Amino acid sequence: MSLKRLFDLAFALVCFFLIFPFLFLISIWIILDSRGGVFYSQQRIGKNGIPFQLMKFRTMRPDSHKKGLLTIGFHDQRITRAGRWLRKYKMDEWPQLLNIIAGDMSFVGPRPEVKKYVDLYTEEQRKVLTVQPGLTDYASIEYFDENEVLARSDNPEQTYISEVMPRKLALNMKYISEKGMATDIKIIWKTFLRILQG
């Protein structure tokens, strides 16, 4: 077992048990707030192009994915009242601790994308699939408000494909060139500070 995997597993287990009471309370809130299940899973593409089911707390109304894969701002009508708050502080991502424990993800690495957009990667960009996807990375910090960026566009999906996605992939490549425990700890700390800013 590599040092990175050992860190991921130990840290994820500690975090999971520390926040378990909050996970329980959030689950009740989601159930009371809107119709539908507590969790939402979506197929993403992981290391070496292998798909896996990424877990999140449900923040949108049932079947919202049929109206598009991108979320357009916090005022997207598909987002629930609880979902707006959970998304603001990235708490909807907490169930991905289970993905990390299972070995599908790491704490730090390129955010896993859906197949529709991975199919648009160039050969160079596909290098991001050579490492384990992560809960956070340089791109997650820089595009913390990605939904609001897309909300200001007349064509959100085109903006994502032509502007946002290439920039995020470039930041993913930067991570790959610098990856190591020191880099991972730096990114985790910067992500924590960014979440506190809201």
C-alpha atoms as a PDB file:
ATOM      1  CA  MET A   1       0.000   0.000   0.000  1.00  0.00           C
ATOM      2  CA  SER A   2       1.444   3.372  -1.035  1.00  0.00           C
ATOM      3  CA  LEU A   3       1.907   6.234   1.434  1.00  0.00           C
ATOM      4  CA  LYS A   4      -0.777   8.238  -0.398  1.00  0.00           C
ATOM      5  CA  ARG A   5      -3.298   5.402  -0.155  1.00  0.00           C
ATOM      6  CA  LEU A   6      -2.462   4.847   3.508  1.00  0.00           C
ATOM      7  CA  PHE A   7      -2.991   8.556   4.207  1.00  0.00           C
ATOM      8  CA  ASP A   8      -6.253   8.617   2.238  1.00  0.00           C
ATOM      9  CA  LEU A   9      -7.661   5.579   4.040  1.00  0.00           C
ATOM     10  CA  ALA A  10      -6.643   6.679   7.542  1.00  0.00           C
ATOM     11  CA  PHE A  11      -7.726  10.307   7.084  1.00  0.00           C
ATOM     12  CA  ALA A  12     -11.034   9.336   5.431  1.00  0.00           C
ATOM     13  CA  LEU A  13     -11.911   6.928   8.265  1.00  0.00           C
ATOM     14  CA  VAL A  14     -11.084   9.546  10.919  1.00  0.00           C
ATOM     15  CA  CYS A  15     -13.116  12.217   9.100  1.00  0.00           C
ATOM     16  CA  PHE A  16     -16.045   9.863   8.561  1.00  0.00           C
ATOM     17  CA  PHE A  17     -16.350   8.956  12.232  1.00  0.00           C
ATOM     18  CA  LEU A  18     -15.883  12.577  13.353  1.00  0.00           C
ATOM     19  CA  ILE A  19     -18.651  13.912  11.116  1.00  0.00           C
ATOM     20  CA  PHE A  20     -20.987  10.896  11.336  1.00  0.00           C
ATOM     21  CA  PRO A  21     -23.491  12.707  13.641  1.00  0.00           C
ATOM     22  CA  PHE A  22     -23.654  15.572  11.106  1.00  0.00           C
ATOM     23  CA  LEU A  23     -24.152  13.098   8.249  1.00  0.00           C
ATOM     24  CA  PHE A  24     -27.139  11.707  10.147  1.00  0.00           C
ATOM     25  CA  LEU A  25     -28.641  15.155  10.760  1.00  0.00           C
ATOM     26  CA  ILE A  26     -28.099  16.231   7.151  1.00  0.00           C
ATOM     27  CA  SER A  27     -29.816  13.055   5.968  1.00  0.00           C
ATOM     28  CA  ILE A  28     -32.901  13.874   8.057  1.00  0.00           C
ATOM     29  CA  TRP A  29     -32.892  17.463   6.762  1.00  0.00           C
ATOM     30  CA  ILE A  30     -32.804  16.303   3.141  1.00  0.00           C
ATOM     31  CA  ILE A  31     -35.697  13.887   3.727  1.00  0.00           C
ATOM     32  CA  LEU A  32     -37.820  16.566   5.403  1.00  0.00           C
ATOM     33  CA  ASP A  33     -36.953  19.259   2.874  1.00  0.00           C
ATOM     34  CA  SER A  34     -37.977  17.565  -0.377  1.00  0.00           C
ATOM     35  CA  ARG A  35     -39.214  14.366  -1.969  1.00  0.00           C
ATOM     36  CA  GLY A  36     -36.527  11.832  -2.936  1.00  0.00           C
ATOM     37  CA  GLY A  37     -33.659   9.868  -1.437  1.00  0.00           C
ATOM     38  CA  VAL A  38     -30.812  11.121   0.714  1.00  0.00           C
ATOM     39  CA  PHE A  39     -28.001  10.281  -1.687  1.00  0.00           C
ATOM     40  CA  TYR A  40     -27.344  10.892  -5.358  1.00  0.00           C
ATOM     41  CA  SER A  41     -24.887   8.789  -7.314  1.00  0.00           C
ATOM     42  CA  GLN A  42     -23.559   9.485 -10.774  1.00  0.00           C
ATOM     43  CA  GLN A  43     -21.204   7.514 -12.960  1.00  0.00           C
ATOM     44  CA  ARG A  44     -17.853   9.248 -13.325  1.00  0.00           C
ATOM     45  CA  ILE A  45     -14.670   8.196 -15.088  1.00  0.00           C
ATOM     46  CA  GLY A  46     -11.830   7.237 -12.788  1.00  0.00           C
ATOM     47  CA  LYS A  47      -8.214   6.189 -13.093  1.00  0.00           C
ATOM     48  CA  ASN A  48      -7.339   4.421 -16.360  1.00  0.00           C
ATOM     49  CA  GLY A  49     -10.783   5.310 -17.728  1.00  0.00           C
ATOM     50  CA  ILE A  50     -12.587   2.927 -15.373  1.00  0.00           C
ATOM     51  CA  PRO A  51     -16.081   4.185 -14.437  1.00  0.00           C
ATOM     52  CA  PHE A  52     -17.321   4.261 -10.847  1.00  0.00           C
ATOM     53  CA  GLN A  53     -20.321   5.631  -8.954  1.00  0.00           C
ATOM     54  CA  LEU A  54     -19.549   8.953  -7.282  1.00  0.00           C
ATOM     55  CA  MET A  55     -21.600   9.625  -4.147  1.00  0.00           C
ATOM     56  CA  LYS A  56     -23.132  12.924  -3.045  1.00  0.00           C
ATOM     57  CA  PHE A  57     -25.890  14.138  -0.810  1.00  0.00           C
ATOM     58  CA  ARG A  58     -28.904  14.840  -2.994  1.00  0.00           C
ATOM     59  CA  THR A  59     -29.235  18.593  -3.490  1.00  0.00           C
ATOM     60  CA  MET A  60     -31.623  18.622  -6.448  1.00  0.00           C
ATOM     61  CA  ARG A  61     -35.135  17.434  -7.122  1.00  0.00           C
ATOM     62  CA  PRO A  62     -35.572  13.884  -8.501  1.00  0.00           C
ATOM     63  CA  ASP A  63     -34.728  13.374 -12.203  1.00  0.00           C
ATOM     64  CA  SER A  64     -33.068  16.813 -12.456  1.00  0.00           C
ATOM     65  CA  HIS A  65     -30.193  15.264 -14.437  1.00  0.00           C
ATOM     66  CA  LYS A  66     -32.607  14.804 -17.361  1.00  0.00           C
ATOM     67  CA  LYS A  67     -32.602  18.597 -17.772  1.00  0.00           C
ATOM     68  CA  GLY A  68     -28.807  18.808 -18.101  1.00  0.00           C
ATOM     69  CA  LEU A  69     -25.596  17.663 -16.420  1.00  0.00           C
ATOM     70  CA  LEU A  70     -24.392  21.142 -15.468  1.00  0.00           C
ATOM     71  CA  THR A  71     -25.723  23.136 -12.528  1.00  0.00           C
ATOM     72  CA  ILE A  72     -26.293  26.757 -13.475  1.00  0.00           C
ATOM     73  CA  GLY A  73     -25.811  28.909 -10.387  1.00  0.00           C
ATOM     74  CA  PHE A  74     -27.271  28.565  -6.911  1.00  0.00           C
ATOM     75  CA  HIS A  75     -30.607  29.849  -8.222  1.00  0.00           C
ATOM     76  CA  ASP A  76     -31.051  26.847 -10.508  1.00  0.00           C
ATOM     77  CA  GLN A  77     -34.689  25.938  -9.874  1.00  0.00           C
ATOM     78  CA  ARG A  78     -33.776  22.251  -9.609  1.00  0.00           C
ATOM     79  CA  ILE A  79     -31.798  22.842  -6.399  1.00  0.00           C
ATOM     80  CA  THR A  80     -33.641  22.273  -3.118  1.00  0.00           C
ATOM     81  CA  ARG A  81     -33.566  24.671  -0.158  1.00  0.00           C
ATOM     82  CA  ALA A  82     -31.294  22.321   1.781  1.00  0.00           C
ATOM     83  CA  GLY A  83     -29.245  21.774  -1.360  1.00  0.00           C
ATOM     84  CA  ARG A  84     -28.331  25.451  -1.702  1.00  0.00           C
ATOM     85  CA  TRP A  85     -26.846  25.482   1.784  1.00  0.00           C
ATOM     86  CA  LEU A  86     -25.064  22.141   1.358  1.00  0.00           C
ATOM     87  CA  ARG A  87     -23.563  23.219  -1.967  1.00  0.00           C
ATOM     88  CA  LYS A  88     -22.383  26.576  -0.612  1.00  0.00           C
ATOM     89  CA  TYR A  89     -20.150  24.849   1.937  1.00  0.00           C
ATOM     90  CA  LYS A  90     -19.420  21.775  -0.233  1.00  0.00           C
ATOM     91  CA  MET A  91     -21.072  19.537   2.334  1.00  0.00           C
ATOM     92  CA  ASP A  92     -22.864  17.684  -0.460  1.00  0.00           C
ATOM     93  CA  GLU A  93     -19.455  16.170  -1.261  1.00  0.00           C
ATOM     94  CA  TRP A  94     -19.008  14.535   2.179  1.00  0.00           C
ATOM     95  CA  PRO A  95     -20.347  11.105   1.097  1.00  0.00           C
ATOM     96  CA  GLN A  96     -17.329  10.853  -1.205  1.00  0.00           C
ATOM     97  CA  LEU A  97     -15.397   9.835   1.897  1.00  0.00           C
ATOM     98  CA  LEU A  98     -16.957   6.439   1.124  1.00  0.00           C
ATOM     99  CA  ASN A  99     -15.495   6.607  -2.405  1.00  0.00           C
ATOM    100  CA  ILE A 100     -12.094   7.321  -0.863  1.00  0.00           C
ATOM    101  CA  ILE A 101     -12.403   4.458   1.628  1.00  0.00           C
ATOM    102  CA  ALA A 102     -13.438   2.127  -1.215  1.00  0.00           C
ATOM    103  CA  GLY A 103     -10.375   3.164  -3.228  1.00  0.00           C
ATOM    104  CA  ASP A 104     -12.240   4.814  -6.120  1.00  0.00           C
ATOM    105  CA  MET A 105     -10.894   8.242  -5.194  1.00  0.00           C
ATOM    106  CA  SER A 106      -8.168  10.041  -3.285  1.00  0.00           C
ATOM    107  CA  PHE A 107      -8.435  13.184  -1.170  1.00  0.00           C
ATOM    108  CA  VAL A 108      -6.417  15.083  -3.765  1.00  0.00           C
ATOM    109  CA  GLY A 109      -6.474  14.506  -7.500  1.00  0.00           C
ATOM    110  CA  PRO A 110      -8.260  15.681 -10.657  1.00  0.00           C
ATOM    111  CA  ARG A 111     -12.003  15.870 -10.092  1.00  0.00           C
ATOM    112  CA  PRO A 112     -13.651  12.930 -11.912  1.00  0.00           C
ATOM    113  CA  GLU A 113     -15.725  13.908 -14.926  1.00  0.00           C
ATOM    114  CA  VAL A 114     -18.755  12.326 -16.608  1.00  0.00           C
ATOM    115  CA  LYS A 115     -18.125  10.295 -19.763  1.00  0.00           C
ATOM    116  CA  LYS A 116     -19.822  12.871 -22.019  1.00  0.00           C
ATOM    117  CA  TYR A 117     -17.062  15.381 -21.325  1.00  0.00           C
ATOM    118  CA  VAL A 118     -14.188  12.898 -20.973  1.00  0.00           C
ATOM    119  CA  ASP A 119     -14.941  11.827 -24.561  1.00  0.00           C
ATOM    120  CA  LEU A 120     -13.995  15.374 -25.627  1.00  0.00           C
ATOM    121  CA  TYR A 121     -10.502  15.218 -24.066  1.00  0.00           C
ATOM    122  CA  THR A 122      -7.482  15.440 -26.329  1.00  0.00           C
ATOM    123  CA  GLU A 123      -4.812  12.750 -26.069  1.00  0.00           C
ATOM    124  CA  GLU A 124      -2.734  15.112 -23.928  1.00  0.00           C
ATOM    125  CA  GLN A 125      -5.654  15.899 -21.624  1.00  0.00           C
ATOM    126  CA  ARG A 126      -6.353  12.195 -21.103  1.00  0.00           C
ATOM    127  CA  LYS A 127      -3.180  12.072 -19.004  1.00  0.00           C
ATOM    128  CA  VAL A 128      -5.367  13.173 -16.084  1.00  0.00           C
ATOM    129  CA  LEU A 129      -6.818   9.665 -16.169  1.00  0.00           C
ATOM    130  CA  THR A 130      -3.439   8.190 -15.232  1.00  0.00           C
ATOM    131  CA  VAL A 131      -3.882   9.225 -11.582  1.00  0.00           C
ATOM    132  CA  GLN A 132      -6.572   8.602  -8.994  1.00  0.00           C
ATOM    133  CA  PRO A 133      -9.352  11.223  -9.143  1.00  0.00           C
ATOM    134  CA  GLY A 134      -9.773  13.319  -6.037  1.00  0.00           C
ATOM    135  CA  LEU A 135     -12.141  15.159  -3.749  1.00  0.00           C
ATOM    136  CA  THR A 136     -10.243  18.392  -4.361  1.00  0.00           C
ATOM    137  CA  ASP A 137      -7.407  19.820  -6.440  1.00  0.00           C
ATOM    138  CA  TYR A 138      -6.080  23.110  -7.806  1.00  0.00           C
ATOM    139  CA  ALA A 139      -9.053  23.359 -10.196  1.00  0.00           C
ATOM    140  CA  SER A 140     -11.575  22.849  -7.377  1.00  0.00           C
ATOM    141  CA  ILE A 141     -10.084  25.815  -5.525  1.00  0.00           C
ATOM    142  CA  GLU A 142      -9.869  28.114  -8.555  1.00  0.00           C
ATOM    143  CA  TYR A 143     -13.364  27.182  -9.757  1.00  0.00           C
ATOM    144  CA  PHE A 144     -14.986  27.075  -6.324  1.00  0.00           C
ATOM    145  CA  ASP A 145     -17.822  29.225  -7.750  1.00  0.00           C
ATOM    146  CA  GLU A 146     -18.016  27.415 -11.101  1.00  0.00           C
ATOM    147  CA  ASN A 147     -21.818  27.276 -10.986  1.00  0.00           C
ATOM    148  CA  GLU A 148     -22.008  31.065 -10.774  1.00  0.00           C
ATOM    149  CA  VAL A 149     -19.518  31.440 -13.630  1.00  0.00           C
ATOM    150  CA  LEU A 150     -21.740  29.277 -15.826  1.00  0.00           C
ATOM    151  CA  ALA A 151     -24.858  31.154 -14.705  1.00  0.00           C
ATOM    152  CA  ARG A 152     -23.452  34.340 -16.271  1.00  0.00           C
ATOM    153  CA  SER A 153     -23.076  32.655 -19.677  1.00  0.00           C
ATOM    154  CA  ASP A 154     -25.632  32.738 -22.483  1.00  0.00           C
ATOM    155  CA  ASN A 155     -24.575  29.188 -23.378  1.00  0.00           C
ATOM    156  CA  PRO A 156     -23.365  27.498 -20.147  1.00  0.00           C
ATOM    157  CA  GLU A 157     -22.460  24.149 -21.679  1.00  0.00           C
ATOM    158  CA  GLN A 158     -20.422  25.735 -24.472  1.00  0.00           C
ATOM    159  CA  THR A 159     -18.682  27.958 -21.938  1.00  0.00           C
ATOM    160  CA  TYR A 160     -17.864  24.892 -19.856  1.00  0.00           C
ATOM    161  CA  ILE A 161     -16.501  22.925 -22.815  1.00  0.00           C
ATOM    162  CA  SER A 162     -14.530  25.725 -24.486  1.00  0.00           C
ATOM    163  CA  GLU A 163     -13.333  27.754 -21.489  1.00  0.00           C
ATOM    164  CA  VAL A 164     -13.780  26.146 -18.080  1.00  0.00           C
ATOM    165  CA  MET A 165     -12.916  22.524 -18.846  1.00  0.00           C
ATOM    166  CA  PRO A 166      -9.607  23.263 -20.677  1.00  0.00           C
ATOM    167  CA  ARG A 167      -8.478  25.545 -17.831  1.00  0.00           C
ATOM    168  CA  LYS A 168      -9.377  22.941 -15.215  1.00  0.00           C
ATOM    169  CA  LEU A 169      -7.527  20.253 -17.143  1.00  0.00           C
ATOM    170  CA  ALA A 170      -4.445  22.496 -17.342  1.00  0.00           C
ATOM    171  CA  LEU A 171      -4.572  22.826 -13.541  1.00  0.00           C
ATOM    172  CA  ASN A 172      -4.969  19.035 -13.297  1.00  0.00           C
ATOM    173  CA  MET A 173      -1.797  18.653 -15.344  1.00  0.00           C
ATOM    174  CA  LYS A 174      -0.036  21.083 -13.004  1.00  0.00           C
ATOM    175  CA  TYR A 175      -1.031  18.861 -10.076  1.00  0.00           C
ATOM    176  CA  ILE A 176       0.285  15.758 -11.828  1.00  0.00           C
ATOM    177  CA  SER A 177       3.642  17.450 -12.406  1.00  0.00           C
ATOM    178  CA  GLU A 178       3.890  18.437  -8.717  1.00  0.00           C
ATOM    179  CA  LYS A 179       2.101  15.523  -7.013  1.00  0.00           C
ATOM    180  CA  GLY A 180       3.413  14.322  -3.687  1.00  0.00           C
ATOM    181  CA  MET A 181       2.333  14.331  -0.036  1.00  0.00           C
ATOM    182  CA  ALA A 182       3.503  17.922   0.515  1.00  0.00           C
ATOM    183  CA  THR A 183       1.414  19.105  -2.454  1.00  0.00           C
ATOM    184  CA  ASP A 184      -1.610  17.112  -1.263  1.00  0.00           C
ATOM    185  CA  ILE A 185      -1.465  18.581   2.239  1.00  0.00           C
ATOM    186  CA  LYS A 186      -1.085  22.104   0.806  1.00  0.00           C
ATOM    187  CA  ILE A 187      -4.160  21.625  -1.419  1.00  0.00           C
ATOM    188  CA  ILE A 188      -6.246  20.161   1.430  1.00  0.00           C
ATOM    189  CA  TRP A 189      -5.368  23.162   3.618  1.00  0.00           C
ATOM    190  CA  LYS A 190      -6.154  25.683   0.843  1.00  0.00           C
ATOM    191  CA  THR A 191      -9.468  23.927   0.178  1.00  0.00           C
ATOM    192  CA  PHE A 192     -10.374  24.102   3.868  1.00  0.00           C
ATOM    193  CA  LEU A 193      -9.636  27.839   3.959  1.00  0.00           C
ATOM    194  CA  ARG A 194     -11.650  28.413   0.771  1.00  0.00           C
ATOM    195  CA  ILE A 195     -14.670  26.575   2.211  1.00  0.00           C
ATOM    196  CA  LEU A 196     -14.533  28.724   5.353  1.00  0.00           C
ATOM    197  CA  GLN A 197     -14.756  31.797   3.119  1.00  0.00           C
ATOM    198  CA  GLY A 198     -18.047  30.440   1.717  1.00  0.00           C
END
